[in-house]
C-alpha atoms as a PDB file:
ATOM      1  CA  MET A   1       1.871  -0.141   0.228  1.00  0.00           C
ATOM      2  CA  ARG A   2      -0.649   1.359  -2.182  1.00  0.00           C
ATOM      3  CA  LEU A   3      -2.680  -0.929  -4.458  1.00  0.00           C
ATOM      4  CA  LEU A   4      -4.964  -0.172  -7.394  1.00  0.00           C
ATOM      5  CA  LEU A   5      -7.972  -2.479  -7.821  1.00  0.00           C
ATOM      6  CA  VAL A   6      -9.745  -2.335 -11.194  1.00  0.00           C
ATOM      7  CA  GLU A   7     -12.934  -4.378 -10.804  1.00  0.00           C
ATOM      8  CA  ASP A   8     -16.453  -3.719 -12.111  1.00  0.00           C
ATOM      9  CA  ASP A   9     -18.196  -6.190  -9.786  1.00  0.00           C
ATOM     10  CA  ILE A  10     -19.141  -3.756  -7.015  1.00  0.00           C
ATOM     11  CA  GLN A  11     -19.754  -6.401  -4.346  1.00  0.00           C
ATOM     12  CA  LEU A  12     -16.466  -8.186  -5.057  1.00  0.00           C
ATOM     13  CA  ALA A  13     -14.585  -4.882  -5.186  1.00  0.00           C
ATOM     14  CA  GLU A  14     -15.962  -3.873  -1.791  1.00  0.00           C
ATOM     15  CA  SER A  15     -15.087  -7.254  -0.254  1.00  0.00           C
ATOM     16  CA  LEU A  16     -11.544  -7.213  -1.659  1.00  0.00           C
ATOM     17  CA  THR A  17     -10.989  -3.616  -0.573  1.00  0.00           C
ATOM     18  CA  GLU A  18     -12.123  -4.380   2.974  1.00  0.00           C
ATOM     19  CA  MET A  19      -9.870  -7.458   3.131  1.00  0.00           C
ATOM     20  CA  LEU A  20      -6.833  -5.640   1.733  1.00  0.00           C
ATOM     21  CA  GLU A  21      -7.275  -2.629   4.006  1.00  0.00           C
ATOM     22  CA  ALA A  22      -7.414  -5.023   6.973  1.00  0.00           C
ATOM     23  CA  GLN A  23      -3.929  -6.127   5.884  1.00  0.00           C
ATOM     24  CA  ARG A  24      -2.740  -2.486   6.080  1.00  0.00           C
ATOM     25  CA  TYR A  25      -2.726  -1.854   2.333  1.00  0.00           C
ATOM     26  CA  VAL A  26      -4.033   1.440   0.989  1.00  0.00           C
ATOM     27  CA  VAL A  27      -6.490   0.608  -1.794  1.00  0.00           C
ATOM     28  CA  ASP A  28      -7.903   2.793  -4.562  1.00  0.00           C
ATOM     29  CA  THR A  29     -10.736   1.156  -6.511  1.00  0.00           C
ATOM     30  CA  VAL A  30     -12.111   1.982  -9.972  1.00  0.00           C
ATOM     31  CA  LYS A  31     -14.727   0.200 -12.084  1.00  0.00           C
ATOM     32  CA  ASP A  32     -13.450   0.289 -15.670  1.00  0.00           C
ATOM     33  CA  GLY A  33     -10.237   0.087 -17.649  1.00  0.00           C
ATOM     34  CA  GLU A  34     -10.084   3.708 -18.774  1.00  0.00           C
ATOM     35  CA  ALA A  35     -10.598   4.879 -15.194  1.00  0.00           C
ATOM     36  CA  GLY A  36      -7.838   2.485 -14.156  1.00  0.00           C
ATOM     37  CA  TRP A  37      -5.480   4.030 -16.713  1.00  0.00           C
ATOM     38  CA  SER A  38      -6.335   7.552 -15.533  1.00  0.00           C
ATOM     39  CA  GLN A  39      -5.731   6.530 -11.937  1.00  0.00           C
ATOM     40  CA  MET A  40      -2.332   5.042 -12.813  1.00  0.00           C
ATOM     41  CA  GLN A  41      -1.235   8.449 -14.058  1.00  0.00           C
ATOM     42  CA  LEU A  42      -2.393  10.232 -10.901  1.00  0.00           C
ATOM     43  CA  MET A  43      -0.729   8.059  -8.247  1.00  0.00           C
ATOM     44  CA  ASP A  44       2.273   5.795  -7.787  1.00  0.00           C
ATOM     45  CA  TYR A  45       1.155   2.233  -7.035  1.00  0.00           C
ATOM     46  CA  ASP A  46       3.109  -0.737  -5.701  1.00  0.00           C
ATOM     47  CA  LEU A  47       0.802  -3.275  -7.379  1.00  0.00           C
ATOM     48  CA  THR A  48      -2.411  -3.385  -9.396  1.00  0.00           C
ATOM     49  CA  LEU A  49      -5.130  -6.033  -9.488  1.00  0.00           C
ATOM     50  CA  LEU A  50      -6.996  -6.115 -12.811  1.00  0.00           C
ATOM     51  CA  ASP A  51     -10.197  -7.880 -13.694  1.00  0.00           C
ATOM     52  CA  VAL A  52      -9.960  -9.161 -17.270  1.00  0.00           C
ATOM     53  CA  THR A  53     -13.549  -8.372 -18.276  1.00  0.00           C
ATOM     54  CA  LEU A  54     -13.921  -4.612 -17.847  1.00  0.00           C
ATOM     55  CA  PRO A  55     -16.012  -1.884 -19.521  1.00  0.00           C
ATOM     56  CA  HIS A  56     -14.374   0.558 -21.988  1.00  0.00           C
ATOM     57  CA  LEU A  57     -10.925  -1.071 -21.839  1.00  0.00           C
ATOM     58  CA  ASP A  58     -10.493  -4.697 -20.783  1.00  0.00           C
ATOM     59  CA  GLY A  59      -7.827  -5.910 -18.384  1.00  0.00           C
ATOM     60  CA  VAL A  60      -5.568  -7.336 -21.087  1.00  0.00           C
ATOM     61  CA  GLN A  61      -5.641  -4.085 -23.068  1.00  0.00           C
ATOM     62  CA  LEU A  62      -5.026  -2.078 -19.902  1.00  0.00           C
ATOM     63  CA  CYS A  63      -2.092  -4.272 -18.949  1.00  0.00           C
ATOM     64  CA  GLN A  64      -0.600  -3.859 -22.423  1.00  0.00           C
ATOM     65  CA  ARG A  65      -0.964  -0.094 -22.165  1.00  0.00           C
ATOM     66  CA  ILE A  66       0.663  -0.104 -18.716  1.00  0.00           C
ATOM     67  CA  ARG A  67       3.671  -2.013 -20.048  1.00  0.00           C
ATOM     68  CA  ASN A  68       3.892  -0.040 -23.302  1.00  0.00           C
ATOM     69  CA  HIS A  69       4.201   3.154 -21.275  1.00  0.00           C
ATOM     70  CA  GLY A  70       7.023   1.766 -19.156  1.00  0.00           C
ATOM     71  CA  TYR A  71       5.234   1.060 -15.875  1.00  0.00           C
ATOM     72  CA  GLY A  72       7.040  -1.800 -14.144  1.00  0.00           C
ATOM     73  CA  LEU A  73       4.773  -2.386 -11.140  1.00  0.00           C
ATOM     74  CA  PRO A  74       3.486  -5.947 -10.559  1.00  0.00           C
ATOM     75  CA  VAL A  75       0.163  -6.747 -12.248  1.00  0.00           C
ATOM     76  CA  LEU A  76      -2.106  -9.483 -10.882  1.00  0.00           C
ATOM     77  CA  MET A  77      -4.994 -10.454 -13.159  1.00  0.00           C
ATOM     78  CA  LEU A  78      -8.298 -11.649 -11.736  1.00  0.00           C
ATOM     79  CA  THR A  79     -10.673 -13.489 -14.045  1.00  0.00           C
ATOM     80  CA  ALA A  80     -13.489 -16.014 -14.317  1.00  0.00           C
ATOM     81  CA  ARG A  81     -11.926 -17.403 -17.504  1.00  0.00           C
ATOM     82  CA  ASP A  82     -10.147 -20.667 -16.744  1.00  0.00           C
ATOM     83  CA  THR A  83      -8.609 -21.789 -20.011  1.00  0.00           C
ATOM     84  CA  SER A  84      -4.971 -22.111 -21.016  1.00  0.00           C
ATOM     85  CA  GLN A  85      -5.508 -19.719 -23.924  1.00  0.00           C
ATOM     86  CA  ASP A  86      -6.900 -17.012 -21.626  1.00  0.00           C
ATOM     87  CA  LYS A  87      -3.997 -17.424 -19.179  1.00  0.00           C
ATOM     88  CA  VAL A  88      -1.443 -17.219 -21.984  1.00  0.00           C
ATOM     89  CA  ARG A  89      -3.127 -14.090 -23.358  1.00  0.00           C
ATOM     90  CA  GLY A  90      -3.105 -12.459 -19.935  1.00  0.00           C
ATOM     91  CA  LEU A  91       0.514 -13.293 -19.164  1.00  0.00           C
ATOM     92  CA  ASP A  92       1.653 -12.309 -22.659  1.00  0.00           C
ATOM     93  CA  SER A  93       0.076  -8.889 -22.152  1.00  0.00           C
ATOM     94  CA  GLY A  94       2.567  -8.288 -19.332  1.00  0.00           C
ATOM     95  CA  ALA A  95       0.777  -9.613 -16.250  1.00  0.00           C
ATOM     96  CA  ASP A  96       2.965 -11.131 -13.540  1.00  0.00           C
ATOM     97  CA  ALA A  97       0.360 -13.556 -12.205  1.00  0.00           C
ATOM     98  CA  TYR A  98      -3.145 -14.813 -12.976  1.00  0.00           C
ATOM     99  CA  MET A  99      -5.823 -15.955 -10.515  1.00  0.00           C
ATOM    100  CA  VAL A 100      -9.157 -17.523 -11.448  1.00  0.00           C
ATOM    101  CA  LYS A 101     -12.391 -16.582  -9.670  1.00  0.00           C
ATOM    102  CA  PRO A 102     -13.586 -17.716  -7.253  1.00  0.00           C
ATOM    103  CA  PHE A 103     -10.198 -17.673  -5.530  1.00  0.00           C
ATOM    104  CA  ASN A 104      -9.087 -18.431  -1.996  1.00  0.00           C
ATOM    105  CA  LEU A 105      -8.487 -15.145  -0.191  1.00  0.00           C
ATOM    106  CA  SER A 106      -5.467 -16.493   1.702  1.00  0.00           C
ATOM    107  CA  GLU A 107      -3.906 -17.548  -1.607  1.00  0.00           C
ATOM    108  CA  LEU A 108      -4.646 -14.130  -3.086  1.00  0.00           C
ATOM    109  CA  LEU A 109      -2.921 -12.391  -0.172  1.00  0.00           C
ATOM    110  CA  ALA A 110       0.056 -14.744  -0.458  1.00  0.00           C
ATOM    111  CA  GLN A 111       0.312 -13.985  -4.177  1.00  0.00           C
ATOM    112  CA  ILE A 112       0.217 -10.244  -3.492  1.00  0.00           C
ATOM    113  CA  ARG A 113       2.963 -10.562  -0.870  1.00  0.00           C
ATOM    114  CA  ALA A 114       5.093 -12.605  -3.268  1.00  0.00           C
ATOM    115  CA  LEU A 115       4.708 -10.051  -6.076  1.00  0.00           C
ATOM    116  CA  LEU A 116       5.515  -7.167  -3.741  1.00  0.00           C
ATOM    117  CA  ARG A 117       8.632  -8.964  -2.504  1.00  0.00           C
ATOM    118  CA  ARG A 118       9.692  -9.565  -6.082  1.00  0.00           C
ATOM    119  CA  GLY A 119       9.078  -5.943  -6.959  1.00  0.00           C
ATOM    120  CA  SER A 120      10.941  -4.424  -4.014  1.00  0.00           C
ATOM    121  CA  SER A 121      13.141  -5.997  -1.386  1.00  0.00           C
ATOM    122  CA  GLN A 122      12.761  -2.758   0.596  1.00  0.00           C
ATOM    123  CA  ALA A 123       9.206  -3.710   1.532  1.00  0.00           C
ATOM    124  CA  THR A 124      10.269  -6.666   3.678  1.00  0.00           C
ATOM    125  CA  THR A 125      13.432  -5.281   5.273  1.00  0.00           C
ATOM    126  CA  ALA A 126      13.305  -4.524   9.001  1.00  0.00           C
ATOM    127  CA  LEU A 127      13.772  -0.810   9.716  1.00  0.00           C
ATOM    128  CA  VAL A 128      15.952   0.553  12.508  1.00  0.00           C
ATOM    129  CA  TRP A 129      16.318   4.145  13.705  1.00  0.00           C
ATOM    130  CA  GLY A 130      18.481   4.321  16.815  1.00  0.00           C
ATOM    131  CA  LYS A 131      16.703   2.266  19.480  1.00  0.00           C
ATOM    132  CA  LEU A 132      13.517   2.118  17.403  1.00  0.00           C
ATOM    133  CA  SER A 133      12.843  -1.020  15.359  1.00  0.00           C
ATOM    134  CA  LEU A 134       9.962  -1.835  12.990  1.00  0.00           C
ATOM    135  CA  ASP A 135       9.437  -5.111  11.137  1.00  0.00           C
ATOM    136  CA  PRO A 136       7.023  -4.874   8.149  1.00  0.00           C
ATOM    137  CA  ASN A 137       6.781  -8.686   7.985  1.00  0.00           C
ATOM    138  CA  THR A 138       5.524  -9.250  11.529  1.00  0.00           C
ATOM    139  CA  TYR A 139       4.071  -5.779  12.212  1.00  0.00           C
ATOM    140  CA  GLU A 140       6.165  -5.617  15.368  1.00  0.00           C
ATOM    141  CA  VAL A 141       7.531  -2.338  16.710  1.00  0.00           C
ATOM    142  CA  SER A 142       9.894  -1.952  19.647  1.00  0.00           C
ATOM    143  CA  TYR A 143      11.875   0.791  21.324  1.00  0.00           C
ATOM    144  CA  ASP A 144      14.918  -0.265  23.308  1.00  0.00           C
ATOM    145  CA  ARG A 145      13.549  -3.864  23.117  1.00  0.00           C
ATOM    146  CA  GLN A 146      10.177  -2.848  24.598  1.00  0.00           C
ATOM    147  CA  MET A 147       7.248  -3.735  22.364  1.00  0.00           C
ATOM    148  CA  LEU A 148       4.665  -1.165  21.299  1.00  0.00           C
ATOM    149  CA  ARG A 149       1.051  -1.882  20.450  1.00  0.00           C
ATOM    150  CA  LEU A 150       0.069   0.390  17.595  1.00  0.00           C
ATOM    151  CA  THR A 151      -3.070   0.769  15.534  1.00  0.00           C
ATOM    152  CA  PRO A 152      -2.721  -0.017  11.806  1.00  0.00           C
ATOM    153  CA  LYS A 153      -2.594   3.686  10.903  1.00  0.00           C
ATOM    154  CA  GLU A 154      -0.067   4.470  13.648  1.00  0.00           C
ATOM    155  CA  PHE A 155       2.096   1.621  12.359  1.00  0.00           C
ATOM    156  CA  SER A 156       1.823   2.902   8.783  1.00  0.00           C
ATOM    157  CA  ILE A 157       2.721   6.480   9.769  1.00  0.00           C
ATOM    158  CA  LEU A 158       5.734   5.315  11.746  1.00  0.00           C
ATOM    159  CA  GLU A 159       6.870   3.076   8.884  1.00  0.00           C
ATOM    160  CA  LEU A 160       6.542   5.987   6.446  1.00  0.00           C
ATOM    161  CA  LEU A 161       8.610   8.225   8.732  1.00  0.00           C
ATOM    162  CA  MET A 162      11.283   5.555   9.200  1.00  0.00           C
ATOM    163  CA  ARG A 163      11.563   4.906   5.471  1.00  0.00           C
ATOM    164  CA  ASN A 164      12.105   8.630   4.912  1.00  0.00           C
ATOM    165  CA  GLY A 165      14.430   9.319   7.853  1.00  0.00           C
ATOM    166  CA  ARG A 166      15.217  13.023   8.159  1.00  0.00           C
ATOM    167  CA  ARG A 167      13.054  13.989   5.194  1.00  0.00           C
ATOM    168  CA  VAL A 168      10.224  16.272   6.301  1.00  0.00           C
ATOM    169  CA  LEU A 169       6.827  14.778   5.449  1.00  0.00           C
ATOM    170  CA  SER A 170       3.889  17.150   5.130  1.00  0.00           C
ATOM    171  CA  ARG A 171       0.479  16.191   6.463  1.00  0.00           C
ATOM    172  CA  SER A 172      -0.883  16.220   2.916  1.00  0.00           C
ATOM    173  CA  PHE A 173       1.861  13.811   1.821  1.00  0.00           C
ATOM    174  CA  ILE A 174       1.025  11.465   4.703  1.00  0.00           C
ATOM    175  CA  LEU A 175      -2.682  11.606   3.791  1.00  0.00           C
ATOM    176  CA  GLU A 176      -1.990  10.864   0.123  1.00  0.00           C
ATOM    177  CA  SER A 177       0.379   8.008   1.014  1.00  0.00           C
ATOM    178  CA  LEU A 178      -1.707   6.233   3.649  1.00  0.00           C
ATOM    179  CA  TRP A 179      -5.384   6.909   2.920  1.00  0.00           C
ATOM    180  CA  SER A 180      -7.365   5.889  -0.142  1.00  0.00           C
ATOM    181  CA  MET A 181      -8.598   8.656  -2.405  1.00  0.00           C
ATOM    182  CA  LYS A 182     -12.236   7.688  -1.937  1.00  0.00           C
ATOM    183  CA  SER A 183     -12.389   8.818   1.697  1.00  0.00           C
ATOM    184  CA  PRO A 184      -9.444  11.020   2.695  1.00  0.00           C
ATOM    185  CA  PRO A 185      -9.798  12.611   6.157  1.00  0.00           C
ATOM    186  CA  ASP A 186      -8.617  16.132   6.958  1.00  0.00           C
ATOM    187  CA  GLU A 187      -5.146  17.012   8.229  1.00  0.00           C
ATOM    188  CA  GLU A 188      -6.345  17.090  11.845  1.00  0.00           C
ATOM    189  CA  THR A 189      -6.602  13.300  11.629  1.00  0.00           C
ATOM    190  CA  VAL A 190      -2.864  13.087  10.949  1.00  0.00           C
ATOM    191  CA  LYS A 191      -2.167  15.346  13.951  1.00  0.00           C
ATOM    192  CA  ALA A 192      -4.279  13.084  16.174  1.00  0.00           C
ATOM    193  CA  HIS A 193      -2.451   9.942  15.033  1.00  0.00           C
ATOM    194  CA  ILE A 194       0.948  11.607  15.533  1.00  0.00           C
ATOM    195  CA  LYS A 195      -0.049  12.681  19.047  1.00  0.00           C
ATOM    196  CA  SER A 196      -1.147   9.137  19.949  1.00  0.00           C
ATOM    197  CA  LEU A 197       2.016   7.680  18.421  1.00  0.00           C
ATOM    198  CA  ARG A 198       4.218  10.057  20.430  1.00  0.00           C
ATOM    199  CA  ASN A 199       2.406   9.133  23.656  1.00  0.00           C
ATOM    200  CA  LYS A 200       2.940   5.416  23.042  1.00  0.00           C
ATOM    201  CA  LEU A 201       6.616   5.952  22.228  1.00  0.00           C
ATOM    202  CA  LYS A 202       7.072   8.100  25.331  1.00  0.00           C
ATOM    203  CA  ALA A 203       5.497   5.361  27.464  1.00  0.00           C
ATOM    204  CA  VAL A 204       8.337   2.974  26.564  1.00  0.00           C
ATOM    205  CA  GLY A 205      11.090   5.526  27.155  1.00  0.00           C
ATOM    206  CA  ALA A 206      11.467   7.242  23.784  1.00  0.00           C
ATOM    207  CA  PRO A 207      12.146  10.987  23.832  1.00  0.00           C
ATOM    208  CA  LYS A 208       9.149  13.188  23.112  1.00  0.00           C
ATOM    209  CA  SER A 209      11.119  14.751  20.256  1.00  0.00           C
ATOM    210  CA  LEU A 210      11.689  11.426  18.458  1.00  0.00           C
ATOM    211  CA  ILE A 211       9.028  12.584  15.999  1.00  0.00           C
ATOM    212  CA  GLU A 212       9.792  16.237  15.425  1.00  0.00           C
ATOM    213  CA  THR A 213       7.345  18.841  14.194  1.00  0.00           C
ATOM    214  CA  VAL A 214       8.763  21.167  11.567  1.00  0.00           C
ATOM    215  CA  HIS A 215       6.320  24.024  12.032  1.00  0.00           C
ATOM    216  CA  GLY A 216       4.378  24.960   8.957  1.00  0.00           C
ATOM    217  CA  ILE A 217       5.784  22.022   7.008  1.00  0.00           C
ATOM    218  CA  GLY A 218       5.297  18.596   8.646  1.00  0.00           C
ATOM    219  CA  TYR A 219       7.135  15.884  10.550  1.00  0.00           C
ATOM    220  CA  GLN A 220      10.504  14.146  10.573  1.00  0.00           C
ATOM    221  CA  LEU A 221      12.448  11.760  12.805  1.00  0.00           C
ATOM    222  CA  GLN A 222      14.923  13.162  15.273  1.00  0.00           C
ATOM    223  CA  ALA A 223      18.546  13.075  14.109  1.00  0.00           C
ATOM    224  CA  GLN A 224      20.520  10.069  15.346  1.00  0.00           C
ATOM    225  CA  TYR A 225      23.517  10.804  17.507  1.00  0.00           C
END
């Protein structure tokens, strides 16, 4: 899941980004409304978190622009303004939810999960590919009922492959999907994660070719028979 955070408080933005990335979200962060709008047009996001008070274009105006241009992703507004009038203004602009600072981080995460569930039932459905099973809700992965212990990035790569089945995913596509734009690694990083993932799958009895390399293009899951 890729999130866009539009927040001009640098310390808060860094704290939220760290917390969200620990929950396996990919987070792109910008500091003003116009930058947020530009970012929306560059990438596909599953959810955006908007501060209301932003330079150049405030959160309410940005939300209105997002809706006026047909973007249907969930919008969660973050604000220090705790009045009924402010909440009404935010929700009327097209926001799906409204949280007042300072907020409880557990409640924020729960709100994000709820909005993502509302936006796409696909996000919470267990994935199965032959003997391989992955549950996005519990972060559990098993092959032939044997559990695997994966790193967050290994889990995310495997989930991306399972959601795409036999579609060939290039290394650049995997990088763009699973790493934030502020610090993308090179393609060798993807190769290293794929190698580690294959070794862990092999250790529980999966065929080495479960994740196939399509030379010069990328990776795909082995056809089911």
